[in-house]
C-alpha atoms as a PDB file:
ATOM      1  CA  MET A   1     125.865  93.966 109.313  1.00  0.00           C
ATOM      2  CA  GLY A   2     122.708  95.223 111.036  1.00  0.00           C
ATOM      3  CA  ASN A   3     121.743  94.858 114.635  1.00  0.00           C
ATOM      4  CA  THR A   4     118.512  94.203 116.506  1.00  0.00           C
ATOM      5  CA  GLU A   5     117.672  97.909 116.761  1.00  0.00           C
ATOM      6  CA  SER A   6     117.905  98.427 113.002  1.00  0.00           C
ATOM      7  CA  ILE A   7     115.782  95.319 112.342  1.00  0.00           C
ATOM      8  CA  ASN A   8     113.160  96.522 114.839  1.00  0.00           C
ATOM      9  CA  ALA A   9     113.039  99.887 113.055  1.00  0.00           C
ATOM     10  CA  ILE A  10     112.065  98.176 109.776  1.00  0.00           C
ATOM     11  CA  PHE A  11     110.041  95.109 110.860  1.00  0.00           C
ATOM     12  CA  GLU A  12     107.344  94.135 113.344  1.00  0.00           C
ATOM     13  CA  GLN A  13     107.339  90.662 114.883  1.00  0.00           C
ATOM     14  CA  HIS A  14     104.338  88.490 114.002  1.00  0.00           C
ATOM     15  CA  PRO A  15     103.707  84.850 115.023  1.00  0.00           C
ATOM     16  CA  ASP A  16     104.074  83.802 111.359  1.00  0.00           C
ATOM     17  CA  GLY A  17     107.230  85.854 110.716  1.00  0.00           C
ATOM     18  CA  LEU A  18     108.419  89.404 110.258  1.00  0.00           C
ATOM     19  CA  ILE A  19     106.179  92.100 108.775  1.00  0.00           C
ATOM     20  CA  PRO A  20     107.610  95.271 107.178  1.00  0.00           C
ATOM     21  CA  LYS A  21     106.511  98.507 108.894  1.00  0.00           C
ATOM     22  CA  THR A  22     105.670  99.996 105.517  1.00  0.00           C
ATOM     23  CA  ASN A  23     103.199  99.382 102.695  1.00  0.00           C
ATOM     24  CA  CYS A  24     103.773  97.863  99.258  1.00  0.00           C
ATOM     25  CA  LEU A  25     105.356 100.352  96.840  1.00  0.00           C
ATOM     26  CA  ILE A  26     103.096  99.185  93.996  1.00  0.00           C
ATOM     27  CA  CYS A  27      99.599  98.796  95.507  1.00  0.00           C
ATOM     28  CA  TRP A  28     100.152 100.726  98.791  1.00  0.00           C
ATOM     29  CA  ASN A  29      98.360  98.040 100.839  1.00  0.00           C
ATOM     30  CA  SER A  30      99.853  96.647 104.047  1.00  0.00           C
ATOM     31  CA  ILE A  31     102.165  93.660 103.741  1.00  0.00           C
ATOM     32  CA  GLY A  32     101.668  90.489 105.772  1.00  0.00           C
ATOM     33  CA  PRO A  33     104.192  87.888 106.845  1.00  0.00           C
ATOM     34  CA  LYS A  34     105.655  85.596 104.177  1.00  0.00           C
ATOM     35  CA  GLU A  35     104.287  87.730 101.311  1.00  0.00           C
ATOM     36  CA  TRP A  36     106.949  90.405 100.873  1.00  0.00           C
ATOM     37  CA  THR A  37     109.911  91.143  98.632  1.00  0.00           C
ATOM     38  CA  ILE A  38     112.626  93.700  99.415  1.00  0.00           C
ATOM     39  CA  CYS A  39     115.067  95.545  97.166  1.00  0.00           C
ATOM     40  CA  ASN A  40     118.527  94.968  98.596  1.00  0.00           C
ATOM     41  CA  GLN A  41     119.723  98.193  96.994  1.00  0.00           C
ATOM     42  CA  CYS A  42     117.119 100.817  97.973  1.00  0.00           C
ATOM     43  CA  ASN A  43     115.276  98.900 100.772  1.00  0.00           C
ATOM     44  CA  ILE A  44     111.721  99.267  99.442  1.00  0.00           C
ATOM     45  CA  PHE A  45     109.113  96.568 100.071  1.00  0.00           C
ATOM     46  CA  LEU A  46     106.622  94.958  97.685  1.00  0.00           C
ATOM     47  CA  HIS A  47     104.104  92.156  97.875  1.00  0.00           C
ATOM     48  CA  SER A  48     105.593  89.111  96.156  1.00  0.00           C
ATOM     49  CA  ASP A  49     102.472  88.939  93.946  1.00  0.00           C
ATOM     50  CA  CYS A  50     102.760  92.628  92.971  1.00  0.00           C
ATOM     51  CA  GLU A  51     106.405  92.066  92.022  1.00  0.00           C
ATOM     52  CA  SER A  52     105.453  89.055  89.876  1.00  0.00           C
ATOM     53  CA  ARG A  53     102.819  91.087  88.020  1.00  0.00           C
ATOM     54  CA  TYR A  54     105.230  94.021  87.615  1.00  0.00           C
ATOM     55  CA  ARG A  55     107.929  91.682  86.224  1.00  0.00           C
ATOM     56  CA  GLY A  56     105.509  90.148  83.722  1.00  0.00           C
ATOM     57  CA  THR A  57     107.274  87.961  81.175  1.00  0.00           C
ATOM     58  CA  ARG A  58     110.785  89.301  81.830  1.00  0.00           C
ATOM     59  CA  GLY A  59     113.157  86.547  82.905  1.00  0.00           C
ATOM     60  CA  TYR A  60     114.763  88.764  85.550  1.00  0.00           C
ATOM     61  CA  CYS A  61     113.647  91.000  88.404  1.00  0.00           C
ATOM     62  CA  LYS A  62     113.960  94.786  88.270  1.00  0.00           C
ATOM     63  CA  CYS A  63     113.175  97.130  91.154  1.00  0.00           C
ATOM     64  CA  PRO A  64     110.338  99.538  90.272  1.00  0.00           C
ATOM     65  CA  HIS A  65     111.959 102.235  92.425  1.00  0.00           C
ATOM     66  CA  CYS A  66     115.726 102.246  91.752  1.00  0.00           C
ATOM     67  CA  GLN A  67     115.553 100.209  88.508  1.00  0.00           C
ATOM     68  CA  GLY A  68     118.274  97.886  89.853  1.00  0.00           C
ATOM     69  CA  ILE A  69     118.359  94.560  88.036  1.00  0.00           C
ATOM     70  CA  GLY A  70     118.636  91.459  90.210  1.00  0.00           C
ATOM     71  CA  THR A  71     118.286  93.398  93.463  1.00  0.00           C
ATOM     72  CA  LEU A  72     114.970  91.959  94.716  1.00  0.00           C
ATOM     73  CA  GLY A  73     114.815  89.196  97.291  1.00  0.00           C
ATOM     74  CA  SER A  74     112.332  87.487  99.621  1.00  0.00           C
ATOM     75  CA  PRO A  75     112.605  85.993 103.085  1.00  0.00           C
ATOM     76  CA  ARG A  76     113.488  82.337 103.254  1.00  0.00           C
ATOM     77  CA  TYR A  77     111.012  80.145 105.121  1.00  0.00           C
ATOM     78  CA  ASN A  78     111.426  76.425 105.618  1.00  0.00           C
END
């Protein structure tokens, strides 16, 4: 399990949530809070919208970097 230092190395704190300290792998634009998806296998970040367009009509998610199937996830906000 990670610790605060490892989380701070990957994310910046924002009033609306965490923001990845990297750009989207697909469009290379910065990623805002509540709009990102991460690959739990290779730790790349994408905009949720970019991932949806990349997935197209497939009924499953596939990482554009490592090609892992079912490895993408998003933050949970209530």
